[in-house]
Amino acid sequence: MKLRATALAVAAIIAVPGIASASNTITFNGEVTDQTCSAVVNGNTDPTVILDSVPTSAFTGLGSVAGETTFTMQLTGCVAPSGTTEHFTTLFQATNATSAGNLTNTAASGATGVALQLLEAPGGAAVNLAGGAAVEAGDIVLADGQSSTTYDYAVQYVAEAATVTAGPVLGSVTYTLRYE
């Protein structure tokens, strides 16, 4: 019995260094800036943008779009620039992008053949979120002497298949504001 306990203790000592010496990396990424803006979307710090319901008949084939909905990024409490304007860029990163660069429908028992497409402005070009990297969209301008500003983006449904079926649609994107 004593031999078995000794063998287990030796095995544990040998195994522990293998676990402890695993090389894992944690990367931290941040930025120091002299700007103090706070950002909200549609007046909320934890925003949800509600799109209108659209019928499946609104989709006439692959790539067709419907239900464009505008949302507003508002910056407040900024340090007012003096004698110039300041520019901010929004970096969007999809939580789960489709191969076409749209937001995957993650709703349980959701509509099929449809995704959400982010636009850099109402009626503007689509923001391609494919590849997992953060993507710049929009030029938010803070005018001389101002401490707040707004910028409008949009989102819409987009058919990613020839046929779209009915059901809920849910997608998400993270954003970061970068002072230029």
C-alpha atoms as a PDB file:
ATOM      1  CA  MET A   1       0.000   0.000   0.000  1.00  0.00           C
ATOM      2  CA  LYS A   2       2.853   2.329   0.876  1.00  0.00           C
ATOM      3  CA  LEU A   3       4.495   1.529  -2.473  1.00  0.00           C
ATOM      4  CA  ARG A   4       1.333   2.477  -4.357  1.00  0.00           C
ATOM      5  CA  ALA A   5       1.075   5.844  -2.500  1.00  0.00           C
ATOM      6  CA  THR A   6       4.727   6.580  -3.262  1.00  0.00           C
ATOM      7  CA  ALA A   7       4.251   5.728  -6.949  1.00  0.00           C
ATOM      8  CA  LEU A   8       1.216   8.049  -7.177  1.00  0.00           C
ATOM      9  CA  ALA A   9       3.118  10.880  -5.487  1.00  0.00           C
ATOM     10  CA  VAL A  10       6.061  10.503  -7.897  1.00  0.00           C
ATOM     11  CA  ALA A  11       3.659  10.417 -10.895  1.00  0.00           C
ATOM     12  CA  ALA A  12       1.935  13.585  -9.668  1.00  0.00           C
ATOM     13  CA  ILE A  13       5.267  15.404  -9.240  1.00  0.00           C
ATOM     14  CA  ILE A  14       6.342  14.419 -12.752  1.00  0.00           C
ATOM     15  CA  ALA A  15       2.971  15.473 -14.291  1.00  0.00           C
ATOM     16  CA  VAL A  16       2.731  18.882 -12.571  1.00  0.00           C
ATOM     17  CA  PRO A  17       5.765  20.482 -14.271  1.00  0.00           C
ATOM     18  CA  GLY A  18       4.304  19.501 -17.666  1.00  0.00           C
ATOM     19  CA  ILE A  19       1.095  21.312 -16.860  1.00  0.00           C
ATOM     20  CA  ALA A  20       2.800  24.307 -15.269  1.00  0.00           C
ATOM     21  CA  SER A  21       5.168  24.858 -18.165  1.00  0.00           C
ATOM     22  CA  ALA A  22       2.457  25.144 -20.826  1.00  0.00           C
ATOM     23  CA  SER A  23       3.091  28.288 -22.874  1.00  0.00           C
ATOM     24  CA  ASN A  24      -0.141  30.270 -23.110  1.00  0.00           C
ATOM     25  CA  THR A  25      -0.235  33.908 -24.113  1.00  0.00           C
ATOM     26  CA  ILE A  26      -2.627  36.639 -23.060  1.00  0.00           C
ATOM     27  CA  THR A  27      -2.532  39.728 -25.259  1.00  0.00           C
ATOM     28  CA  PHE A  28      -3.845  43.042 -23.960  1.00  0.00           C
ATOM     29  CA  ASN A  29      -4.626  45.848 -26.378  1.00  0.00           C
ATOM     30  CA  GLY A  30      -5.532  49.421 -25.417  1.00  0.00           C
ATOM     31  CA  GLU A  31      -5.023  53.053 -26.238  1.00  0.00           C
ATOM     32  CA  VAL A  32      -4.230  56.241 -24.339  1.00  0.00           C
ATOM     33  CA  THR A  33      -5.847  59.366 -25.741  1.00  0.00           C
ATOM     34  CA  ASP A  34      -6.482  62.945 -24.711  1.00  0.00           C
ATOM     35  CA  GLN A  35     -10.101  62.725 -25.914  1.00  0.00           C
ATOM     36  CA  THR A  36     -12.874  62.108 -23.375  1.00  0.00           C
ATOM     37  CA  CYS A  37     -15.929  61.289 -25.501  1.00  0.00           C
ATOM     38  CA  SER A  38     -18.628  58.894 -24.395  1.00  0.00           C
ATOM     39  CA  ALA A  39     -20.463  56.922 -27.062  1.00  0.00           C
ATOM     40  CA  VAL A  40     -24.085  55.810 -27.205  1.00  0.00           C
ATOM     41  CA  VAL A  41     -26.156  54.221 -29.968  1.00  0.00           C
ATOM     42  CA  ASN A  42     -29.707  55.510 -30.387  1.00  0.00           C
ATOM     43  CA  GLY A  43     -29.338  57.092 -26.944  1.00  0.00           C
ATOM     44  CA  ASN A  44     -28.435  53.818 -25.179  1.00  0.00           C
ATOM     45  CA  THR A  45     -25.158  52.506 -23.793  1.00  0.00           C
ATOM     46  CA  ASP A  46     -26.371  48.909 -24.271  1.00  0.00           C
ATOM     47  CA  PRO A  47     -28.265  49.312 -27.553  1.00  0.00           C
ATOM     48  CA  THR A  48     -30.597  47.052 -29.458  1.00  0.00           C
ATOM     49  CA  VAL A  49     -31.651  48.196 -32.921  1.00  0.00           C
ATOM     50  CA  ILE A  50     -35.119  46.916 -33.841  1.00  0.00           C
ATOM     51  CA  LEU A  51     -35.682  46.328 -37.546  1.00  0.00           C
ATOM     52  CA  ASP A  52     -39.161  46.333 -39.069  1.00  0.00           C
ATOM     53  CA  SER A  53     -40.605  42.955 -39.994  1.00  0.00           C
ATOM     54  CA  VAL A  54     -40.439  42.226 -43.707  1.00  0.00           C
ATOM     55  CA  PRO A  55     -42.261  39.559 -45.728  1.00  0.00           C
ATOM     56  CA  THR A  56     -40.332  36.724 -47.369  1.00  0.00           C
ATOM     57  CA  SER A  57     -41.686  38.056 -50.694  1.00  0.00           C
ATOM     58  CA  ALA A  58     -39.456  41.142 -50.241  1.00  0.00           C
ATOM     59  CA  PHE A  59     -36.484  38.955 -51.194  1.00  0.00           C
ATOM     60  CA  THR A  60     -36.349  38.413 -54.940  1.00  0.00           C
ATOM     61  CA  GLY A  61     -33.150  36.380 -55.031  1.00  0.00           C
ATOM     62  CA  LEU A  62     -29.622  36.071 -53.779  1.00  0.00           C
ATOM     63  CA  GLY A  63     -28.294  39.456 -52.641  1.00  0.00           C
ATOM     64  CA  SER A  64     -31.655  41.218 -52.482  1.00  0.00           C
ATOM     65  CA  VAL A  65     -32.133  43.492 -49.472  1.00  0.00           C
ATOM     66  CA  ALA A  66     -35.059  44.796 -47.431  1.00  0.00           C
ATOM     67  CA  GLY A  67     -35.907  46.679 -44.255  1.00  0.00           C
ATOM     68  CA  GLU A  68     -33.079  49.212 -44.044  1.00  0.00           C
ATOM     69  CA  THR A  69     -33.037  50.713 -40.546  1.00  0.00           C
ATOM     70  CA  THR A  70     -30.960  53.713 -39.497  1.00  0.00           C
ATOM     71  CA  PHE A  71     -29.177  53.904 -36.151  1.00  0.00           C
ATOM     72  CA  THR A  72     -27.237  56.832 -34.729  1.00  0.00           C
ATOM     73  CA  MET A  73     -23.835  56.835 -33.051  1.00  0.00           C
ATOM     74  CA  GLN A  74     -23.647  59.820 -30.716  1.00  0.00           C
ATOM     75  CA  LEU A  75     -20.487  61.129 -29.087  1.00  0.00           C
ATOM     76  CA  THR A  76     -20.902  63.397 -26.055  1.00  0.00           C
ATOM     77  CA  GLY A  77     -18.653  64.941 -23.429  1.00  0.00           C
ATOM     78  CA  CYS A  78     -15.793  65.343 -25.888  1.00  0.00           C
ATOM     79  CA  VAL A  79     -12.943  67.800 -25.507  1.00  0.00           C
ATOM     80  CA  ALA A  80     -13.893  70.540 -27.971  1.00  0.00           C
ATOM     81  CA  PRO A  81     -11.279  71.055 -30.666  1.00  0.00           C
ATOM     82  CA  SER A  82     -10.009  74.606 -31.110  1.00  0.00           C
ATOM     83  CA  GLY A  83      -9.363  75.991 -34.572  1.00  0.00           C
ATOM     84  CA  THR A  84      -9.780  72.654 -36.336  1.00  0.00           C
ATOM     85  CA  THR A  85     -12.011  69.598 -36.582  1.00  0.00           C
ATOM     86  CA  GLU A  86     -11.331  66.180 -35.126  1.00  0.00           C
ATOM     87  CA  HIS A  87     -12.164  62.875 -36.779  1.00  0.00           C
ATOM     88  CA  PHE A  88     -13.237  59.569 -35.261  1.00  0.00           C
ATOM     89  CA  THR A  89     -13.532  56.217 -36.996  1.00  0.00           C
ATOM     90  CA  THR A  90     -15.750  53.383 -35.861  1.00  0.00           C
ATOM     91  CA  LEU A  91     -14.208  49.921 -36.017  1.00  0.00           C
ATOM     92  CA  PHE A  92     -16.840  47.178 -36.347  1.00  0.00           C
ATOM     93  CA  GLN A  93     -16.089  43.519 -35.733  1.00  0.00           C
ATOM     94  CA  ALA A  94     -18.620  40.775 -36.342  1.00  0.00           C
ATOM     95  CA  THR A  95     -19.294  38.305 -33.583  1.00  0.00           C
ATOM     96  CA  ASN A  96     -20.101  35.714 -36.242  1.00  0.00           C
ATOM     97  CA  ALA A  97     -19.744  36.880 -39.870  1.00  0.00           C
ATOM     98  CA  THR A  98     -20.925  35.025 -42.951  1.00  0.00           C
ATOM     99  CA  SER A  99     -18.513  34.350 -45.808  1.00  0.00           C
ATOM    100  CA  ALA A 100     -20.192  37.264 -47.634  1.00  0.00           C
ATOM    101  CA  GLY A 101     -19.221  39.626 -44.796  1.00  0.00           C
ATOM    102  CA  ASN A 102     -22.648  39.980 -43.194  1.00  0.00           C
ATOM    103  CA  LEU A 103     -23.889  39.178 -39.695  1.00  0.00           C
ATOM    104  CA  THR A 104     -25.018  35.580 -39.309  1.00  0.00           C
ATOM    105  CA  ASN A 105     -28.588  35.050 -38.140  1.00  0.00           C
ATOM    106  CA  THR A 106     -28.085  33.520 -34.692  1.00  0.00           C
ATOM    107  CA  ALA A 107     -31.772  33.403 -33.664  1.00  0.00           C
ATOM    108  CA  ALA A 108     -32.944  30.027 -32.384  1.00  0.00           C
ATOM    109  CA  SER A 109     -35.283  28.512 -34.996  1.00  0.00           C
ATOM    110  CA  GLY A 110     -34.651  31.653 -37.031  1.00  0.00           C
ATOM    111  CA  ALA A 111     -35.279  32.602 -40.623  1.00  0.00           C
ATOM    112  CA  THR A 112     -33.018  30.819 -43.093  1.00  0.00           C
ATOM    113  CA  GLY A 113     -31.258  32.200 -46.139  1.00  0.00           C
ATOM    114  CA  VAL A 114     -31.051  35.683 -44.624  1.00  0.00           C
ATOM    115  CA  ALA A 115     -28.373  37.661 -42.767  1.00  0.00           C
ATOM    116  CA  LEU A 116     -27.962  41.235 -41.534  1.00  0.00           C
ATOM    117  CA  GLN A 117     -25.894  43.669 -43.579  1.00  0.00           C
ATOM    118  CA  LEU A 118     -24.260  46.688 -41.919  1.00  0.00           C
ATOM    119  CA  LEU A 119     -24.112  49.885 -44.014  1.00  0.00           C
ATOM    120  CA  GLU A 120     -21.592  52.705 -43.551  1.00  0.00           C
ATOM    121  CA  ALA A 121     -24.458  55.220 -43.879  1.00  0.00           C
ATOM    122  CA  PRO A 122     -28.165  55.131 -44.717  1.00  0.00           C
ATOM    123  CA  GLY A 123     -28.322  54.057 -48.358  1.00  0.00           C
ATOM    124  CA  GLY A 124     -24.534  53.644 -48.242  1.00  0.00           C
ATOM    125  CA  ALA A 125     -22.091  50.902 -49.074  1.00  0.00           C
ATOM    126  CA  ALA A 126     -22.103  47.604 -47.194  1.00  0.00           C
ATOM    127  CA  VAL A 127     -19.438  47.070 -44.523  1.00  0.00           C
ATOM    128  CA  ASN A 128     -17.699  43.772 -45.310  1.00  0.00           C
ATOM    129  CA  LEU A 129     -17.117  42.056 -41.967  1.00  0.00           C
ATOM    130  CA  ALA A 130     -15.654  38.807 -43.372  1.00  0.00           C
ATOM    131  CA  GLY A 131     -12.335  37.580 -42.055  1.00  0.00           C
ATOM    132  CA  GLY A 132     -12.804  38.365 -38.373  1.00  0.00           C
ATOM    133  CA  ALA A 133     -10.784  41.599 -38.338  1.00  0.00           C
ATOM    134  CA  ALA A 134     -12.145  44.960 -37.206  1.00  0.00           C
ATOM    135  CA  VAL A 135     -13.307  47.062 -40.165  1.00  0.00           C
ATOM    136  CA  GLU A 136     -13.348  50.874 -40.318  1.00  0.00           C
ATOM    137  CA  ALA A 137     -16.630  52.511 -41.283  1.00  0.00           C
ATOM    138  CA  GLY A 138     -17.637  56.144 -41.316  1.00  0.00           C
ATOM    139  CA  ASP A 139     -15.867  59.408 -40.665  1.00  0.00           C
ATOM    140  CA  ILE A 140     -17.349  60.994 -37.549  1.00  0.00           C
ATOM    141  CA  VAL A 141     -16.432  64.676 -37.443  1.00  0.00           C
ATOM    142  CA  LEU A 142     -16.293  66.772 -34.297  1.00  0.00           C
ATOM    143  CA  ALA A 143     -16.470  70.414 -35.426  1.00  0.00           C
ATOM    144  CA  ASP A 144     -14.367  73.258 -34.072  1.00  0.00           C
ATOM    145  CA  GLY A 145     -15.617  74.258 -30.601  1.00  0.00           C
ATOM    146  CA  GLN A 146     -18.187  71.430 -30.340  1.00  0.00           C
ATOM    147  CA  SER A 147     -18.252  68.785 -27.596  1.00  0.00           C
ATOM    148  CA  SER A 148     -20.731  66.375 -29.213  1.00  0.00           C
ATOM    149  CA  THR A 149     -21.572  64.968 -32.629  1.00  0.00           C
ATOM    150  CA  THR A 150     -23.586  62.222 -34.286  1.00  0.00           C
ATOM    151  CA  TYR A 151     -23.193  59.862 -37.224  1.00  0.00           C
ATOM    152  CA  ASP A 152     -25.827  57.670 -38.861  1.00  0.00           C
ATOM    153  CA  TYR A 153     -25.237  54.059 -39.889  1.00  0.00           C
ATOM    154  CA  ALA A 154     -27.805  51.561 -41.148  1.00  0.00           C
ATOM    155  CA  VAL A 155     -28.515  47.828 -41.103  1.00  0.00           C
ATOM    156  CA  GLN A 156     -30.722  45.769 -43.404  1.00  0.00           C
ATOM    157  CA  TYR A 157     -31.760  42.215 -44.131  1.00  0.00           C
ATOM    158  CA  VAL A 158     -29.908  40.589 -47.037  1.00  0.00           C
ATOM    159  CA  ALA A 159     -30.710  37.314 -48.801  1.00  0.00           C
ATOM    160  CA  GLU A 160     -27.722  34.977 -48.791  1.00  0.00           C
ATOM    161  CA  ALA A 161     -29.639  32.171 -50.490  1.00  0.00           C
ATOM    162  CA  ALA A 162     -32.121  31.959 -53.347  1.00  0.00           C
ATOM    163  CA  THR A 163     -34.924  31.246 -50.884  1.00  0.00           C
ATOM    164  CA  VAL A 164     -35.592  32.971 -47.552  1.00  0.00           C
ATOM    165  CA  THR A 165     -37.848  31.353 -44.953  1.00  0.00           C
ATOM    166  CA  ALA A 166     -39.776  33.128 -42.211  1.00  0.00           C
ATOM    167  CA  GLY A 167     -38.520  33.383 -38.637  1.00  0.00           C
ATOM    168  CA  PRO A 168     -36.723  35.689 -36.222  1.00  0.00           C
ATOM    169  CA  VAL A 169     -33.420  37.316 -37.170  1.00  0.00           C
ATOM    170  CA  LEU A 170     -30.733  38.179 -34.622  1.00  0.00           C
ATOM    171  CA  GLY A 171     -27.144  39.322 -35.103  1.00  0.00           C
ATOM    172  CA  SER A 172     -24.538  41.365 -33.267  1.00  0.00           C
ATOM    173  CA  VAL A 173     -21.437  43.399 -33.887  1.00  0.00           C
ATOM    174  CA  THR A 174     -18.903  44.957 -31.533  1.00  0.00           C
ATOM    175  CA  TYR A 175     -17.600  48.462 -32.076  1.00  0.00           C
ATOM    176  CA  THR A 176     -14.691  50.604 -30.975  1.00  0.00           C
ATOM    177  CA  LEU A 177     -14.246  54.318 -31.617  1.00  0.00           C
ATOM    178  CA  ARG A 178     -10.826  55.446 -32.690  1.00  0.00           C
ATOM    179  CA  TYR A 179      -9.698  59.037 -32.453  1.00  0.00           C
ATOM    180  CA  GLU A 180      -7.843  60.098 -35.603  1.00  0.00           C
END
